[in-house]
Amino acid sequence: MTTYKKDDVYLQIVTDIAPQNPREFDTLGTMATWHSRYTIGDTQPDVSPSEFLNNLPADTIVLPLYLLDHSGLTLSTEPFNCPFDSGKVGFIYATPDDWMEHGVKPSEVAERLRTEVQTYQYYLEGAVYGFQMFQMIRCETCGVASQKVLDSCYGFYGYGPDDNGIFEAAGITDISTWEIVSENELKA
């Protein structure tokens, strides 16, 4: 948890403890996976991967999905350099009907699918965050401090607040004008 302060306003970045599975969003791609211990992605077909691929419509764009299972799950469209704990678990694909429905050009589909896999990866790793913007209010009678929440939002996928959109959503254009504060300062 990181807390920033500017004037009398605080911005606290916290882990989202109840993030939404991004596969529940309106996604372009569909993840089909085959794994004996984990339910990953959107569908776990009852047919073999080769049979599944053979039944997809012509011109469907398909990317492989690889899983690294070592102290947590890591998913990628590229193979890992760990033959003992990783392997191919399925595919993410988008049919021509999917592209048209989402208004995506065929040349942009593969990159969009990679982005969906990365977002799901952040979810699997617990790299989903939120923020609370607040002021510290001290009771004039008893001196106890409490937070007056000004704004909050959750569901930012990715590690850096510059990259995952937290600063932008909080209306902060230049975080360098804010100072990082300790938890002790919040308790004082």
Protein backbone atom coordinates (compact mmCIF):
# COMPACT_ATOMS: atom_id res chain seq x y z
CA MET A 1 0.00 0.00 0.00
CA THR A 2 1.43 3.34 -1.05
CA THR A 3 0.09 6.68 0.15
CA TYR A 4 0.76 10.06 -1.44
CA LYS A 5 -0.02 13.50 -0.05
CA LYS A 6 -0.46 16.93 -1.59
CA ASP A 7 -1.57 19.80 0.63
CA ASP A 8 -4.29 18.22 2.81
CA VAL A 9 -5.35 15.50 0.34
CA TYR A 10 -4.12 11.91 0.48
CA LEU A 11 -4.14 9.29 -2.28
CA GLN A 12 -3.83 5.72 -1.03
CA ILE A 13 -3.27 2.88 -3.51
CA VAL A 14 -4.49 -0.47 -2.23
CA THR A 15 -4.91 -4.02 -3.47
CA ASP A 16 -8.40 -4.71 -4.81
CA ILE A 17 -9.50 -7.56 -2.54
CA ALA A 18 -12.53 -8.50 -4.67
CA PRO A 19 -11.54 -7.91 -8.30
CA GLN A 20 -13.83 -8.89 -11.13
CA ASN A 21 -12.59 -11.72 -13.33
CA PRO A 22 -11.76 -9.93 -16.61
CA ARG A 23 -13.06 -12.94 -18.56
CA GLU A 24 -16.51 -11.73 -17.44
CA PHE A 25 -15.97 -8.50 -19.42
CA ASP A 26 -17.13 -8.10 -23.02
CA THR A 27 -13.99 -9.68 -24.47
CA LEU A 28 -13.02 -10.06 -28.10
CA GLY A 29 -11.38 -13.44 -27.62
CA THR A 30 -12.40 -16.74 -26.12
CA MET A 31 -9.96 -18.77 -24.03
CA ALA A 32 -10.25 -22.53 -24.47
CA THR A 33 -8.07 -24.52 -22.07
CA TRP A 34 -7.37 -28.11 -21.12
CA HIS A 35 -5.94 -28.59 -17.62
CA SER A 36 -6.57 -31.38 -15.13
CA ARG A 37 -6.35 -29.21 -11.98
CA TYR A 38 -7.37 -25.67 -12.95
CA THR A 39 -10.35 -24.09 -14.64
CA ILE A 40 -8.70 -21.30 -16.62
CA GLY A 41 -10.26 -18.99 -19.17
CA ASP A 42 -13.71 -19.25 -20.69
CA THR A 43 -14.29 -22.84 -21.75
CA GLN A 44 -12.85 -26.28 -21.11
CA PRO A 45 -13.90 -28.28 -24.18
CA ASP A 46 -14.69 -32.00 -24.01
CA VAL A 47 -12.87 -32.64 -27.30
CA SER A 48 -9.14 -32.72 -28.00
CA PRO A 49 -7.33 -29.46 -28.82
CA SER A 50 -6.77 -30.53 -32.44
CA GLU A 51 -10.43 -31.43 -32.90
CA PHE A 52 -11.45 -28.15 -31.31
CA LEU A 53 -9.19 -26.15 -33.66
CA ASN A 54 -10.48 -28.03 -36.69
CA ASN A 55 -14.04 -26.97 -35.84
CA LEU A 56 -13.30 -23.23 -35.66
CA PRO A 57 -14.52 -21.07 -38.56
CA ALA A 58 -12.13 -20.22 -41.39
CA ASP A 59 -9.93 -17.13 -40.81
CA THR A 60 -10.21 -17.44 -37.02
CA ILE A 61 -7.15 -15.91 -35.38
CA VAL A 62 -5.69 -18.26 -32.77
CA LEU A 63 -2.86 -17.67 -30.30
CA PRO A 64 -1.47 -20.39 -28.02
CA LEU A 65 -1.78 -20.18 -24.24
CA TYR A 66 1.05 -21.35 -22.00
CA LEU A 67 0.83 -21.82 -18.24
CA LEU A 68 3.65 -21.65 -15.71
CA ASP A 69 2.58 -23.29 -12.44
CA HIS A 70 5.26 -22.41 -9.90
CA SER A 71 4.40 -20.51 -6.71
CA GLY A 72 1.33 -19.18 -8.48
CA LEU A 73 -0.05 -19.25 -11.98
CA THR A 74 1.42 -17.29 -14.88
CA LEU A 75 -0.26 -17.24 -18.29
CA SER A 76 1.25 -16.10 -21.58
CA THR A 77 0.95 -16.39 -25.35
CA GLU A 78 4.69 -17.15 -25.43
CA PRO A 79 6.33 -20.32 -24.04
CA PHE A 80 8.23 -20.19 -20.76
CA ASN A 81 11.84 -21.31 -20.30
CA CYS A 82 10.86 -23.79 -17.59
CA PRO A 83 10.07 -27.24 -19.04
CA PHE A 84 9.24 -28.77 -15.65
CA ASP A 85 6.50 -26.40 -14.47
CA SER A 86 5.08 -25.05 -17.72
CA GLY A 87 3.40 -26.09 -20.92
CA LYS A 88 0.75 -25.31 -23.47
CA VAL A 89 -2.73 -25.35 -21.95
CA GLY A 90 -4.91 -24.08 -24.76
CA PHE A 91 -5.70 -21.17 -27.04
CA ILE A 92 -7.26 -17.76 -27.18
CA TYR A 93 -9.10 -17.11 -30.41
CA ALA A 94 -11.35 -14.64 -32.17
CA THR A 95 -13.59 -15.56 -35.08
CA PRO A 96 -14.41 -13.20 -37.97
CA ASP A 97 -17.85 -12.70 -36.39
CA ASP A 98 -16.12 -11.64 -33.14
CA TRP A 99 -13.99 -9.03 -34.98
CA MET A 100 -17.01 -7.57 -36.75
CA GLU A 101 -19.11 -7.47 -33.56
CA HIS A 102 -16.33 -5.56 -31.76
CA GLY A 103 -15.38 -3.36 -34.73
CA VAL A 104 -11.79 -4.61 -34.73
CA LYS A 105 -9.69 -4.83 -37.90
CA PRO A 106 -8.16 -8.27 -38.55
CA SER A 107 -4.68 -6.72 -38.36
CA GLU A 108 -5.40 -5.60 -34.77
CA VAL A 109 -6.90 -8.84 -33.44
CA ALA A 110 -3.69 -10.60 -32.31
CA GLU A 111 -2.54 -7.62 -30.26
CA ARG A 112 -5.98 -7.28 -28.64
CA LEU A 113 -5.89 -10.98 -27.73
CA ARG A 114 -2.42 -10.57 -26.16
CA THR A 115 -3.76 -7.64 -24.13
CA GLU A 116 -6.69 -9.75 -22.90
CA VAL A 117 -4.26 -12.48 -21.82
CA GLN A 118 -2.11 -9.89 -20.00
CA THR A 119 -5.14 -8.49 -18.18
CA TYR A 120 -6.19 -12.00 -17.14
CA GLN A 121 -2.61 -12.63 -16.05
CA TYR A 122 -2.75 -9.60 -13.74
CA TYR A 123 -5.97 -11.00 -12.28
CA LEU A 124 -4.40 -14.44 -11.69
CA GLU A 125 -1.40 -12.80 -9.98
CA GLY A 126 -3.55 -10.54 -7.79
CA ALA A 127 -2.19 -7.42 -9.48
CA VAL A 128 -5.48 -5.52 -9.35
CA TYR A 129 -5.59 -2.26 -7.42
CA GLY A 130 -7.77 0.59 -6.34
CA PHE A 131 -7.42 3.99 -4.74
CA GLN A 132 -8.98 6.10 -2.05
CA MET A 133 -8.57 9.85 -2.05
CA PHE A 134 -9.27 11.37 1.35
CA GLN A 135 -8.61 14.13 3.83
CA MET A 136 -7.67 13.57 7.46
CA ILE A 137 -10.19 15.25 9.75
CA ARG A 138 -9.38 15.69 13.45
CA CYS A 139 -12.18 15.96 15.98
CA GLU A 140 -11.86 19.30 17.77
CA THR A 141 -13.32 17.83 20.96
CA CYS A 142 -11.42 14.57 21.42
CA GLY A 143 -8.56 14.94 18.92
CA VAL A 144 -9.20 11.62 17.16
CA ALA A 145 -8.35 11.64 13.47
CA SER A 146 -10.57 10.06 10.83
CA GLN A 147 -10.64 9.91 7.06
CA LYS A 148 -13.14 11.84 4.97
CA VAL A 149 -13.23 9.93 1.66
CA LEU A 150 -13.39 12.26 -1.34
CA ASP A 151 -13.20 9.65 -4.10
CA SER A 152 -12.43 5.98 -4.61
CA CYS A 153 -12.30 3.51 -7.46
CA TYR A 154 -11.15 -0.09 -7.89
CA GLY A 155 -10.45 -2.51 -10.73
CA PHE A 156 -7.12 -1.26 -12.11
CA TYR A 157 -5.27 -4.23 -13.64
CA GLY A 158 -1.47 -4.05 -13.70
CA TYR A 159 1.40 -3.22 -11.40
CA GLY A 160 2.25 0.43 -11.96
CA PRO A 161 -0.23 3.21 -11.21
CA ASP A 162 1.24 5.13 -14.15
CA ASP A 163 0.42 2.21 -16.46
CA ASN A 164 -2.80 0.88 -14.98
CA GLY A 165 -4.62 4.23 -15.02
CA ILE A 166 -4.98 4.97 -11.30
CA PHE A 167 -3.31 8.38 -11.44
CA GLU A 168 -5.36 9.39 -14.47
CA ALA A 169 -8.61 8.22 -12.85
CA ALA A 170 -7.73 10.15 -9.69
CA GLY A 171 -7.19 13.29 -11.78
CA ILE A 172 -3.44 13.41 -11.10
CA THR A 173 -1.42 14.62 -14.07
CA ASP A 174 1.94 14.93 -12.29
CA ILE A 175 2.52 12.61 -9.33
CA SER A 176 5.96 14.17 -8.77
CA THR A 177 4.18 17.10 -7.09
CA TRP A 178 2.90 14.68 -4.41
CA GLU A 179 5.00 13.30 -1.57
CA ILE A 180 4.99 9.69 -0.39
CA VAL A 181 3.95 9.45 3.24
CA SER A 182 4.41 6.70 5.83
CA GLU A 183 1.68 4.78 7.58
CA ASN A 184 2.84 6.41 10.83
CA GLU A 185 1.94 9.85 9.47
CA LEU A 186 -1.61 8.62 8.82
CA LYS A 187 -1.91 7.37 12.40
CA ALA A 188 -0.58 10.58 13.95
